[in-house]
Amino acid sequence: MVTARVPGASAPPPGRRRSRVPQLAPAWFVGPATILFAVFFGWPLVSSLLQSFQVRQAGQMVWAGTQNYSRLLNDPLIFASLGNALFILVVQVPLMIGLALVLAVALNQAWLRMRSGFRVIYFLPAVTTLVAYAIVFRVLLRSDSGVVNQALGVVGIAPVDWLNDPLWARIALIASITWRWTGYNMVILLAGLQGIPRETFEAASIDGAGQRALFRWVTVPLLRPVILFCLVTSTIGTLQLFDENYVLTRGGPANATLTPVLYLYQVGFKGLDFGYASAIGWFIVAVIGILSLLQFRFLGRER
């Protein structure tokens, strides 16, 4: 059948015909990243989950069901390491976030000169490598020749066995983590603080609010989402703590600074028990997920 063409009728615009052809350009851009993600993250994640249900017998990995998880629930070291991580979390994270918030407010003041210079100085610890700064703290905190004990001796205070006493080892670890990550959280809080309209503070000041009232009733409530973000990321970082305590104390003394990830390293790479190490890894994931949900549940809602 031949269709007659109506005189004067125009052909469909070229763009309409091209729209029927699949657009492959996005796939070319997304494809490499998707492949890399699947190969280097997705497959190892699935493999570790499967491995957590296996044990080694006669040199071969065999299916063992929930044997590794039953072993985990009866392992005192995993709960001791989790207790250490929670102790650091409860003490160090509020201290660090509090210092970061105070610094952010101070460095946001219009009357402060050289604000950019101070911001860089406080942020510099965040760009140092984890192992490098942990080694520096190990040298500073030596019991016999450390600079910190020498400074204490000048003012008449007896030397402290920072890295060999369980309590002082935890304090040293908390101090080192706080030193490194306070500036990082300060920058995030400062960015959130600069996103608050200045008219809000001016209106509260006109109503008679002082500096303390502005901080309590304006700054903190409006920064709630940013503070929550810092709390969640700091919680994840604390439960994944490895570099600092590995370099400073190797998890000692008497497992006082042993954390779940360090224990995972000892089980997997020293004991070569990769099935149990994978179970520990997924246990850490579950704990992080539960704590993050609790933080969103109780701190993320409006009051």
Protein backbone atom coordinates (compact mmCIF):
# COMPACT_ATOMS: atom_id res chain seq x y z
CA MET A 1 0.00 0.00 0.00
CA VAL A 2 1.42 3.37 -0.99
CA THR A 3 0.74 6.30 1.23
CA ALA A 4 0.37 9.57 -0.54
CA ARG A 5 2.28 12.48 0.86
CA VAL A 6 0.16 15.51 1.59
CA PRO A 7 1.56 18.55 -0.16
CA GLY A 8 3.11 21.05 2.26
CA ALA A 9 3.42 18.54 5.09
CA SER A 10 6.80 18.65 6.74
CA ALA A 11 8.85 15.56 7.67
CA PRO A 12 9.23 14.62 11.33
CA PRO A 13 11.99 16.62 12.97
CA PRO A 14 15.31 14.79 13.07
CA GLY A 15 15.42 14.99 16.86
CA ARG A 16 12.25 12.92 17.14
CA ARG A 17 13.70 10.11 15.06
CA ARG A 18 16.92 10.13 17.08
CA SER A 19 15.00 9.89 20.35
CA ARG A 20 14.00 6.31 19.49
CA VAL A 21 17.65 5.25 19.43
CA PRO A 22 18.96 4.17 22.90
CA GLN A 23 21.30 6.72 24.39
CA LEU A 24 24.50 4.81 25.13
CA ALA A 25 26.64 7.72 26.24
CA PRO A 26 25.60 7.50 29.94
CA ALA A 27 26.41 3.79 29.96
CA TRP A 28 29.90 4.46 28.63
CA PHE A 29 30.54 6.87 31.51
CA VAL A 30 28.88 4.83 34.27
CA GLY A 31 30.04 1.43 33.04
CA PRO A 32 33.73 1.56 34.07
CA ALA A 33 32.89 2.81 37.56
CA THR A 34 30.21 0.12 37.92
CA ILE A 35 32.61 -2.61 36.85
CA LEU A 36 35.33 -1.41 39.22
CA PHE A 37 32.81 -1.20 42.07
CA ALA A 38 31.54 -4.70 41.40
CA VAL A 39 35.01 -6.25 41.08
CA PHE A 40 36.81 -4.50 43.94
CA PHE A 41 33.93 -3.92 46.38
CA GLY A 42 30.81 -5.87 45.49
CA TRP A 43 32.39 -9.28 44.94
CA PRO A 44 34.74 -9.07 47.99
CA LEU A 45 31.72 -8.11 50.09
CA VAL A 46 29.71 -11.11 48.94
CA SER A 47 32.75 -13.38 49.19
CA SER A 48 33.43 -12.34 52.79
CA LEU A 49 29.79 -12.99 53.70
CA LEU A 50 29.97 -16.48 52.23
CA GLN A 51 33.33 -17.07 53.89
CA SER A 52 31.88 -16.20 57.29
CA PHE A 53 29.85 -19.42 57.05
CA GLN A 54 32.88 -21.55 56.27
CA VAL A 55 35.75 -23.11 58.22
CA ARG A 56 39.04 -24.56 57.08
CA GLN A 57 39.36 -28.33 57.21
CA ALA A 58 42.32 -30.21 55.72
CA GLY A 59 43.41 -27.08 53.89
CA GLN A 60 40.01 -26.52 52.28
CA MET A 61 37.21 -24.12 53.13
CA VAL A 62 34.03 -26.10 53.85
CA TRP A 63 30.52 -24.98 54.71
CA ALA A 64 29.93 -24.84 58.47
CA GLY A 65 26.67 -22.94 58.80
CA THR A 66 26.58 -20.58 61.79
CA GLN A 67 29.53 -22.19 63.56
CA ASN A 68 31.67 -19.03 63.32
CA TYR A 69 28.88 -16.85 64.68
CA SER A 70 28.26 -19.25 67.57
CA ARG A 71 31.96 -19.13 68.33
CA LEU A 72 31.85 -15.33 68.19
CA LEU A 73 29.06 -15.11 70.76
CA ASN A 74 31.18 -17.15 73.17
CA ASP A 75 34.46 -15.31 72.54
CA PRO A 76 35.39 -13.03 75.47
CA LEU A 77 37.97 -11.14 73.41
CA ILE A 78 35.45 -9.87 70.88
CA PHE A 79 33.32 -8.40 73.65
CA ALA A 80 36.38 -7.01 75.43
CA SER A 81 37.46 -5.29 72.21
CA LEU A 82 33.93 -3.98 71.65
CA GLY A 83 33.88 -2.64 75.22
CA ASN A 84 37.16 -0.82 74.58
CA ALA A 85 35.76 0.71 71.40
CA LEU A 86 32.58 1.80 73.18
CA PHE A 87 34.63 3.34 76.00
CA ILE A 88 36.62 5.36 73.46
CA LEU A 89 33.38 6.24 71.68
CA VAL A 90 31.64 7.53 74.81
CA VAL A 91 34.64 9.57 75.98
CA GLN A 92 36.41 10.70 72.83
CA VAL A 93 33.62 11.44 70.36
CA PRO A 94 31.66 13.93 72.55
CA LEU A 95 34.94 15.57 73.56
CA MET A 96 36.05 15.90 69.95
CA ILE A 97 32.70 17.14 68.63
CA GLY A 98 32.46 19.64 71.50
CA LEU A 99 35.93 21.04 70.79
CA ALA A 100 35.21 21.13 67.06
CA LEU A 101 31.96 23.04 67.63
CA VAL A 102 33.64 25.60 69.91
CA LEU A 103 36.46 26.11 67.40
CA ALA A 104 33.99 26.45 64.52
CA VAL A 105 32.02 29.13 66.37
CA ALA A 106 35.22 30.97 67.36
CA LEU A 107 36.67 30.90 63.85
CA ASN A 108 33.39 32.15 62.39
CA GLN A 109 33.54 35.45 64.25
CA ALA A 110 33.82 38.48 61.97
CA TRP A 111 36.15 40.35 64.35
CA LEU A 112 38.78 37.58 64.37
CA ARG A 113 41.82 38.36 62.25
CA MET A 114 43.73 35.75 60.25
CA ARG A 115 40.77 33.40 60.37
CA SER A 116 41.92 31.52 57.28
CA GLY A 117 45.34 30.93 58.83
CA PHE A 118 43.85 29.53 62.03
CA ARG A 119 41.50 27.27 60.06
CA VAL A 120 44.43 25.83 58.13
CA ILE A 121 46.43 25.28 61.34
CA TYR A 122 43.60 23.39 63.04
CA PHE A 123 42.88 21.34 59.91
CA LEU A 124 46.51 20.33 59.24
CA PRO A 125 46.44 17.24 61.53
CA ALA A 126 43.67 15.76 59.37
CA VAL A 127 45.95 15.62 56.32
CA THR A 128 48.76 13.75 58.09
CA THR A 129 48.93 10.01 57.48
CA LEU A 130 47.56 7.78 60.22
CA VAL A 131 50.72 5.75 60.72
CA ALA A 132 53.01 8.79 60.67
CA TYR A 133 51.20 10.72 63.37
CA ALA A 134 50.77 7.57 65.49
CA ILE A 135 54.53 7.02 65.37
CA VAL A 136 55.09 10.63 66.42
CA PHE A 137 52.77 10.16 69.41
CA ARG A 138 54.58 6.94 70.30
CA VAL A 139 57.88 8.82 70.40
CA LEU A 140 56.39 11.71 72.39
CA LEU A 141 54.84 9.36 74.97
CA ARG A 142 57.83 7.15 75.69
CA SER A 143 58.18 6.39 79.38
CA ASP A 144 61.91 7.01 79.59
CA SER A 145 62.80 9.66 77.00
CA GLY A 146 59.46 11.01 75.80
CA VAL A 147 59.04 14.75 75.44
CA VAL A 148 55.76 14.68 77.38
CA ASN A 149 57.34 13.08 80.46
CA GLN A 150 60.29 15.43 80.24
CA ALA A 151 57.90 18.38 80.24
CA LEU A 152 56.07 16.92 83.23
CA GLY A 153 59.38 16.54 85.05
CA VAL A 154 60.12 20.24 84.59
CA VAL A 155 57.01 21.14 86.61
CA GLY A 156 57.70 18.47 89.25
CA ILE A 157 55.28 15.76 88.09
CA ALA A 158 56.48 12.16 88.11
CA PRO A 159 56.77 10.41 84.72
CA VAL A 160 53.67 8.62 83.47
CA ASP A 161 53.86 5.18 81.88
CA TRP A 162 51.63 6.23 79.01
CA LEU A 163 51.78 3.15 76.82
CA ASN A 164 52.19 0.35 79.38
CA ASP A 165 49.45 1.19 81.88
CA PRO A 166 45.91 0.19 80.82
CA LEU A 167 44.26 3.46 81.88
CA TRP A 168 46.96 5.79 80.58
CA ALA A 169 47.19 3.82 77.33
CA ARG A 170 43.51 4.50 76.71
CA ILE A 171 43.98 8.18 77.56
CA ALA A 172 46.94 8.40 75.18
CA LEU A 173 44.90 6.78 72.42
CA ILE A 174 41.97 9.15 73.02
CA ALA A 175 44.32 12.16 73.00
CA SER A 176 45.92 11.14 69.71
CA ILE A 177 42.58 10.55 67.97
CA THR A 178 41.19 13.85 69.27
CA TRP A 179 44.27 15.72 68.05
CA ARG A 180 43.92 14.36 64.53
CA TRP A 181 40.18 14.52 63.92
CA THR A 182 39.03 17.66 65.75
CA GLY A 183 40.07 19.96 62.90
CA TYR A 184 38.36 17.73 60.35
CA ASN A 185 35.03 17.95 62.17
CA MET A 186 35.59 21.66 62.79
CA VAL A 187 35.68 22.33 59.05
CA ILE A 188 32.42 20.44 58.53
CA LEU A 189 30.71 22.28 61.38
CA LEU A 190 32.10 25.59 60.15
CA ALA A 191 30.60 24.97 56.72
CA GLY A 192 27.24 24.25 58.32
CA LEU A 193 27.55 27.33 60.52
CA GLN A 194 28.21 29.57 57.53
CA GLY A 195 25.07 28.19 55.91
CA ILE A 196 22.90 29.68 58.67
CA PRO A 197 21.52 33.08 57.59
CA ARG A 198 23.12 35.91 59.56
CA GLU A 199 19.70 37.54 59.85
CA THR A 200 18.71 34.73 62.23
CA PHE A 201 21.41 35.72 64.71
CA GLU A 202 20.64 39.41 64.26
CA ALA A 203 16.94 38.86 64.95
CA ALA A 204 17.73 36.86 68.11
CA SER A 205 20.16 39.56 69.25
CA ILE A 206 17.51 42.23 68.77
CA ASP A 207 15.17 40.16 70.94
CA GLY A 208 17.77 40.33 73.72
CA ALA A 209 19.61 37.02 73.33
CA GLY A 210 23.20 37.02 74.54
CA GLN A 211 26.10 34.96 73.26
CA ARG A 212 25.25 31.95 75.42
CA ALA A 213 21.58 32.06 74.43
CA LEU A 214 22.51 32.40 70.76
CA PHE A 215 24.76 29.37 71.02
CA ARG A 216 22.23 27.23 72.88
CA TRP A 217 18.98 28.18 71.19
CA VAL A 218 20.07 29.20 67.68
CA THR A 219 23.46 27.72 66.74
CA VAL A 220 23.09 24.21 68.15
CA PRO A 221 19.49 23.55 66.98
CA LEU A 222 20.19 24.79 63.44
CA LEU A 223 23.38 22.74 63.29
CA ARG A 224 21.62 19.55 64.39
CA PRO A 225 21.87 17.79 61.00
CA VAL A 226 25.57 18.65 60.69
CA ILE A 227 26.31 17.57 64.27
CA LEU A 228 24.45 14.32 63.62
CA PHE A 229 26.57 13.72 60.52
CA CYS A 230 29.76 14.27 62.53
CA LEU A 231 28.54 11.95 65.28
CA VAL A 232 27.64 9.15 62.87
CA THR A 233 30.91 9.35 60.91
CA SER A 234 32.94 9.58 64.13
CA THR A 235 31.12 6.55 65.54
CA ILE A 236 31.91 4.56 62.41
CA GLY A 237 35.53 5.66 62.57
CA THR A 238 35.87 4.71 66.24
CA LEU A 239 34.44 1.23 65.71
CA GLN A 240 36.84 0.80 62.77
CA LEU A 241 39.84 2.00 64.79
CA PHE A 242 43.01 0.16 63.84
CA ASP A 243 46.03 2.24 62.84
CA GLU A 244 46.48 4.29 66.01
CA ASN A 245 46.21 1.52 68.57
CA TYR A 246 48.19 -0.89 66.39
CA VAL A 247 51.13 1.52 66.17
CA LEU A 248 50.90 2.89 69.72
CA THR A 249 50.17 -0.17 71.85
CA ARG A 250 49.56 -3.22 69.59
CA GLY A 251 46.26 -3.56 71.46
CA GLY A 252 47.89 -3.78 74.88
CA PRO A 253 48.59 -3.63 77.67
CA ALA A 254 46.43 -6.57 78.70
CA ASN A 255 44.12 -5.94 75.72
CA ALA A 256 43.16 -2.54 77.16
CA THR A 257 43.29 -0.91 73.70
CA LEU A 258 42.25 -3.92 71.64
CA THR A 259 39.49 -2.94 69.22
CA PRO A 260 37.29 -5.18 67.02
CA VAL A 261 39.17 -4.38 63.79
CA LEU A 262 42.54 -5.00 65.44
CA TYR A 263 41.21 -8.30 66.77
CA LEU A 264 39.96 -9.13 63.26
CA TYR A 265 43.50 -8.47 61.98
CA GLN A 266 45.00 -10.76 64.60
CA VAL A 267 42.55 -13.56 63.82
CA GLY A 268 42.69 -13.25 60.05
CA PHE A 269 46.25 -12.28 59.20
CA LYS A 270 48.11 -13.76 62.14
CA GLY A 271 45.95 -16.77 62.92
CA LEU A 272 44.96 -17.27 59.24
CA ASP A 273 41.40 -18.05 60.35
CA PHE A 274 39.69 -16.15 57.57
CA GLY A 275 36.25 -17.65 58.13
CA TYR A 276 36.09 -16.45 61.72
CA ALA A 277 37.67 -13.12 60.74
CA SER A 278 34.90 -12.61 58.17
CA ALA A 279 32.30 -13.31 60.84
CA ILE A 280 33.93 -10.69 63.07
CA GLY A 281 33.82 -8.23 60.17
CA TRP A 282 30.09 -8.71 59.66
CA PHE A 283 29.56 -8.46 63.40
CA ILE A 284 31.25 -5.05 63.29
CA VAL A 285 29.00 -4.04 60.38
CA ALA A 286 25.92 -5.03 62.41
CA VAL A 287 27.08 -3.04 65.47
CA ILE A 288 27.80 0.03 63.34
CA GLY A 289 24.41 -0.24 61.68
CA ILE A 290 22.56 -0.53 65.01
CA LEU A 291 24.39 2.42 66.59
CA SER A 292 23.86 4.57 63.49
CA LEU A 293 20.13 3.80 63.48
CA LEU A 294 19.90 4.67 67.17
CA GLN A 295 21.66 7.97 66.57
CA PHE A 296 19.31 8.84 63.72
CA ARG A 297 16.33 7.74 65.82
CA PHE A 298 17.08 9.77 68.95
CA LEU A 299 19.21 12.63 67.65
CA GLY A 300 17.85 13.16 64.16
CA ARG A 301 14.25 13.89 65.04
CA GLU A 302 13.01 17.40 65.70
CA ARG A 303 12.18 18.26 69.27
